[in-house]
């Protein structure tokens, strides 16, 4: 079974319309930052559960871009997260993190740090995994590596760090999984190198649907996962890395998905 470690079904629905496609055979970790998104994802999860389909994992967090894009929604999003954690309604806190990619987001760096620490504290108390969105901010991750090491797992969505940084986090005891999407197809050299050389038991794959489209496509869909895994297998064969065939990578990444998200 293929497993999409990070996607946004609510936003994909806006592009595809109703009813949503079933995505049979693909497990999905669905990320939300608003109550409306979460309610939609919960309904999809319940629909899958009734039909005996693959899991849809519910994730919720205050997105690190939210302070810059919709500051008025930050407190409401945080309060929703607190409620969902208290009621045991989510499987992971995410996507949370730090986005310092451009000047707009960098102006909210201090608030991003405070929000992340608050969400990390919630995840630690509830023993929940975290899904991290990190751009140009690995120093903040390393500064918090000790509390991160106390979590059941940490999933790096669309990992953009170096191989050395990934290895260093593992040495520090962080139970980290590193997820790769279309960046390994679109010639992002660093992501390609890390995907090729990481131990297979640390690999996840994702579409970030609908936000990481393949070249020539208007948006991404969970079915793109098969193309991403095929690209990963090719990279690993070229690097002479262990587990370099598509079928085996699909199987191992599904096992990693279930371990990382506790499903």
Protein backbone atom coordinates (compact mmCIF):
# COMPACT_ATOMS: atom_id res chain seq x y z
CA UNK A 1 0.00 0.00 0.00
CA UNK A 2 1.19 3.51 -0.77
CA UNK A 3 1.06 6.10 2.02
CA UNK A 4 0.96 9.86 1.49
CA UNK A 5 2.72 11.31 4.54
CA UNK A 6 1.34 14.83 4.05
CA UNK A 7 -1.61 16.23 2.10
CA UNK A 8 -4.47 18.75 2.31
CA UNK A 9 -7.70 17.03 1.20
CA UNK A 10 -9.82 20.08 2.16
CA UNK A 11 -7.86 22.32 -0.21
CA UNK A 12 -7.80 19.63 -2.90
CA UNK A 13 -11.60 19.48 -2.76
CA UNK A 14 -11.74 23.16 -3.79
CA UNK A 15 -9.99 22.23 -7.04
CA UNK A 16 -11.67 18.90 -7.75
CA UNK A 17 -15.15 19.63 -6.44
CA UNK A 18 -17.56 17.19 -4.82
CA UNK A 19 -17.77 14.32 -4.35
CA UNK A 20 -14.06 13.89 -3.58
CA UNK A 21 -12.24 11.04 -5.29
CA UNK A 22 -11.83 8.02 -3.02
CA UNK A 23 -8.06 7.51 -3.45
CA UNK A 24 -8.50 3.80 -2.88
CA UNK A 25 -5.33 2.10 -1.74
CA UNK A 26 -3.60 5.27 -0.51
CA UNK A 27 -3.26 6.04 3.20
CA UNK A 28 -3.17 9.81 3.81
CA UNK A 29 -2.03 12.06 6.64
CA UNK A 30 -4.37 15.05 6.36
CA UNK A 31 -3.15 18.40 7.69
CA UNK A 32 -5.48 21.17 8.90
CA UNK A 33 -5.19 24.49 10.70
CA UNK A 34 -8.87 25.48 10.98
CA UNK A 35 -11.89 23.80 12.54
CA UNK A 36 -13.63 23.75 9.14
CA UNK A 37 -10.76 21.83 7.57
CA UNK A 38 -10.58 19.41 10.47
CA UNK A 39 -14.31 18.68 10.35
CA UNK A 40 -14.06 17.89 6.66
CA UNK A 41 -11.08 15.58 7.22
CA UNK A 42 -12.87 13.85 10.09
CA UNK A 43 -15.83 13.12 7.82
CA UNK A 44 -13.47 11.65 5.22
CA UNK A 45 -11.80 9.52 7.89
CA UNK A 46 -15.14 8.20 9.12
CA UNK A 47 -16.20 7.45 5.56
CA UNK A 48 -13.02 5.46 4.98
CA UNK A 49 -13.38 3.62 8.26
CA UNK A 50 -16.92 2.53 7.41
CA UNK A 51 -15.78 1.34 4.00
CA UNK A 52 -12.76 -0.54 5.31
CA UNK A 53 -10.36 1.67 3.37
CA UNK A 54 -6.80 2.68 4.22
CA UNK A 55 -6.34 5.09 7.12
CA UNK A 56 -6.76 8.83 6.90
CA UNK A 57 -4.72 10.29 9.75
CA UNK A 58 -5.97 13.54 11.31
CA UNK A 59 -3.31 16.21 11.95
CA UNK A 60 -3.86 19.74 13.23
CA UNK A 61 -1.60 22.68 14.10
CA UNK A 62 -1.09 26.41 13.75
CA UNK A 63 0.74 26.64 10.43
CA UNK A 64 3.94 28.74 10.71
CA UNK A 65 2.83 30.93 7.79
CA UNK A 66 -0.47 31.81 9.47
CA UNK A 67 0.84 34.76 11.54
CA UNK A 68 1.85 36.47 8.28
CA UNK A 69 -1.08 35.42 6.09
CA UNK A 70 -3.97 35.70 8.57
CA UNK A 71 -2.84 36.93 11.96
CA UNK A 72 -6.40 37.23 13.23
CA UNK A 73 -6.84 33.45 12.91
CA UNK A 74 -3.80 32.45 14.97
CA UNK A 75 -5.41 32.43 18.41
CA UNK A 76 -8.51 30.65 17.13
CA UNK A 77 -6.35 27.98 15.49
CA UNK A 78 -4.33 27.49 18.68
CA UNK A 79 -7.47 27.18 20.80
CA UNK A 80 -8.89 24.60 18.40
CA UNK A 81 -5.66 22.61 18.64
CA UNK A 82 -5.79 22.70 22.44
CA UNK A 83 -9.37 21.41 22.36
CA UNK A 84 -8.61 18.62 19.89
CA UNK A 85 -5.60 17.47 21.91
CA UNK A 86 -7.62 17.51 25.14
CA UNK A 87 -10.37 15.45 23.49
CA UNK A 88 -7.90 12.99 21.87
CA UNK A 89 -9.25 13.86 18.44
CA UNK A 90 -6.01 14.02 16.46
CA UNK A 91 -3.15 11.63 15.78
CA UNK A 92 -0.41 14.25 15.30
CA UNK A 93 0.30 17.93 15.88
CA UNK A 94 1.14 19.31 12.48
CA UNK A 95 2.08 20.98 10.39
CA UNK A 96 3.85 23.24 12.87
CA UNK A 97 7.29 24.75 12.59
CA UNK A 98 9.21 27.67 11.21
CA UNK A 99 9.09 29.40 7.83
CA UNK A 100 11.79 32.00 7.27
CA UNK A 101 11.89 31.60 3.50
CA UNK A 102 11.24 35.25 2.66
CA UNK A 103 10.97 38.64 4.30
CA UNK A 104 7.21 38.43 4.81
CA UNK A 105 7.49 35.33 6.95
CA UNK A 106 10.70 36.42 8.68
CA UNK A 107 8.88 39.40 10.20
CA UNK A 108 6.89 36.94 12.35
CA UNK A 109 9.87 34.82 13.45
CA UNK A 110 9.50 35.57 17.17
CA UNK A 111 5.81 34.69 17.11
CA UNK A 112 6.51 31.53 15.12
CA UNK A 113 8.98 30.42 17.81
CA UNK A 114 6.49 31.09 20.63
CA UNK A 115 3.72 29.25 18.80
CA UNK A 116 5.95 26.29 18.07
CA UNK A 117 7.03 25.98 21.69
CA UNK A 118 3.39 26.06 22.79
CA UNK A 119 2.48 23.34 20.30
CA UNK A 120 5.52 21.26 21.22
CA UNK A 121 4.46 21.42 24.86
CA UNK A 122 0.99 20.13 23.91
CA UNK A 123 2.48 17.29 21.88
CA UNK A 124 4.82 16.30 24.72
CA UNK A 125 2.03 16.21 27.30
CA UNK A 126 -0.24 14.17 25.03
CA UNK A 127 2.57 11.95 23.67
CA UNK A 128 1.69 12.87 20.10
CA UNK A 129 3.93 12.91 17.02
CA UNK A 130 4.67 16.24 15.37
CA UNK A 131 4.75 17.11 11.67
CA UNK A 132 7.27 19.87 10.98
CA UNK A 133 7.25 22.50 8.26
CA UNK A 134 10.77 23.97 8.25
CA UNK A 135 12.18 26.40 5.70
CA UNK A 136 15.49 28.20 6.30
CA UNK A 137 15.15 27.47 10.03
CA UNK A 138 16.99 24.27 10.97
CA UNK A 139 18.80 26.20 13.72
CA UNK A 140 15.48 26.50 15.58
CA UNK A 141 14.93 22.76 15.25
CA UNK A 142 18.35 21.96 16.69
CA UNK A 143 17.79 24.40 19.54
CA UNK A 144 14.74 22.33 20.51
CA UNK A 145 16.15 18.89 19.70
CA UNK A 146 16.04 17.74 23.33
CA UNK A 147 12.26 18.19 23.81
CA UNK A 148 11.70 16.91 20.27
CA UNK A 149 13.55 13.73 21.24
CA UNK A 150 10.85 13.08 23.86
CA UNK A 151 8.10 12.77 21.23
CA UNK A 152 6.99 9.42 19.80
CA UNK A 153 8.13 10.63 16.36
CA UNK A 154 8.88 13.75 14.35
CA UNK A 155 7.92 13.86 10.67
CA UNK A 156 9.77 16.40 8.53
CA UNK A 157 7.31 17.41 5.81
CA UNK A 158 9.05 18.05 2.47
CA UNK A 159 12.46 17.83 4.12
CA UNK A 160 14.80 20.55 2.85
CA UNK A 161 17.75 20.12 5.22
CA UNK A 162 21.05 18.41 4.53
CA UNK A 163 21.99 14.78 5.00
CA UNK A 164 24.34 15.81 7.81
CA UNK A 165 21.55 17.64 9.62
CA UNK A 166 19.26 14.61 9.34
CA UNK A 167 21.96 12.32 10.71
CA UNK A 168 22.73 14.76 13.53
CA UNK A 169 19.08 14.85 14.61
CA UNK A 170 18.98 11.06 14.73
CA UNK A 171 22.18 11.00 16.80
CA UNK A 172 20.52 13.42 19.23
CA UNK A 173 17.77 10.90 19.81
CA UNK A 174 15.03 12.49 17.73
CA UNK A 175 12.89 9.70 16.27
CA UNK A 176 12.79 11.52 12.95
CA UNK A 177 11.27 10.53 9.64
CA UNK A 178 12.05 12.56 6.52
CA UNK A 179 9.37 12.99 3.87
CA UNK A 180 10.02 13.78 0.20
CA UNK A 181 7.69 14.93 -2.53
CA UNK A 182 8.00 16.32 -6.03
CA UNK A 183 11.18 18.21 -5.14
CA UNK A 184 13.12 15.02 -5.91
CA UNK A 185 11.64 15.09 -9.43
CA UNK A 186 12.03 18.84 -10.00
CA UNK A 187 15.83 18.78 -9.69
CA UNK A 188 16.23 20.00 -6.11
CA UNK A 189 19.73 18.61 -5.72
CA UNK A 190 19.90 18.60 -1.92
CA UNK A 191 16.58 16.83 -1.49
CA UNK A 192 17.59 14.31 -4.15
CA UNK A 193 20.86 13.55 -2.37
CA UNK A 194 19.26 13.11 1.05
CA UNK A 195 16.48 10.91 -0.33
CA UNK A 196 19.07 8.74 -2.08
CA UNK A 197 21.28 8.23 0.97
CA UNK A 198 19.09 8.13 4.08
CA UNK A 199 18.49 4.74 5.71
CA UNK A 200 15.28 3.29 4.24
CA UNK A 201 13.68 3.01 7.69
CA UNK A 202 13.67 6.83 7.87
CA UNK A 203 11.98 7.55 4.53
CA UNK A 204 8.48 8.83 3.90
CA UNK A 205 6.89 10.13 0.72
CA UNK A 206 4.22 12.77 0.21
CA UNK A 207 2.35 14.80 -2.37
CA UNK A 208 1.45 17.85 -0.23
CA UNK A 209 -1.63 17.78 -2.46
CA UNK A 210 -2.56 20.14 -3.97
CA UNK A 211 0.55 22.26 -3.36
CA UNK A 212 3.52 20.43 -4.92
CA UNK A 213 2.57 19.91 -8.54
CA UNK A 214 4.62 18.02 -11.09
CA UNK A 215 5.92 20.05 -13.99
CA UNK A 216 3.12 20.93 -16.39
CA UNK A 217 0.37 20.06 -13.91
CA UNK A 218 -1.89 22.64 -12.18
CA UNK A 219 -1.80 20.89 -8.79
CA UNK A 220 -0.72 17.67 -7.13
CA UNK A 221 -2.92 14.71 -6.18
CA UNK A 222 -2.28 11.69 -3.94
CA UNK A 223 -1.87 9.46 -7.02
CA UNK A 224 1.36 11.36 -7.79
CA UNK A 225 2.82 9.35 -4.93
CA UNK A 226 3.62 6.48 -7.29
CA UNK A 227 5.67 8.77 -9.54
CA UNK A 228 7.52 10.17 -6.51
CA UNK A 229 8.38 6.70 -5.18
CA UNK A 230 9.58 5.64 -8.63
CA UNK A 231 11.89 8.68 -8.72
CA UNK A 232 13.18 7.85 -5.23
CA UNK A 233 13.95 4.29 -6.30
CA UNK A 234 15.90 5.58 -9.29
CA UNK A 235 17.92 7.95 -7.11
CA UNK A 236 18.75 5.18 -4.66
CA UNK A 237 19.85 2.83 -7.45
CA UNK A 238 22.14 5.52 -8.83
CA UNK A 239 23.62 6.02 -5.33
CA UNK A 240 23.95 2.24 -4.76
CA UNK A 241 21.88 2.63 -1.60
CA UNK A 242 20.02 -0.25 0.07
CA UNK A 243 16.35 -0.71 -0.89
CA UNK A 244 16.29 0.72 -4.36
CA UNK A 245 13.31 -0.95 -6.01
CA UNK A 246 9.95 0.81 -6.25
CA UNK A 247 7.85 -2.00 -4.78
CA UNK A 248 10.12 -2.42 -1.76
CA UNK A 249 10.31 1.33 -1.16
CA UNK A 250 6.53 1.53 -1.27
CA UNK A 251 6.22 -1.26 1.28
CA UNK A 252 8.88 0.13 3.64
CA UNK A 253 7.58 3.70 3.43
CA UNK A 254 4.11 2.41 4.32
CA UNK A 255 5.56 0.64 7.37
CA UNK A 256 7.35 3.87 8.29
CA UNK A 257 4.11 5.83 7.87
CA UNK A 258 2.32 3.56 10.30
CA UNK A 259 5.14 3.69 12.83
CA UNK A 260 5.53 7.47 12.56
CA UNK A 261 1.81 8.19 12.94
CA UNK A 262 1.02 5.34 15.31
CA UNK A 263 -1.62 3.70 13.11
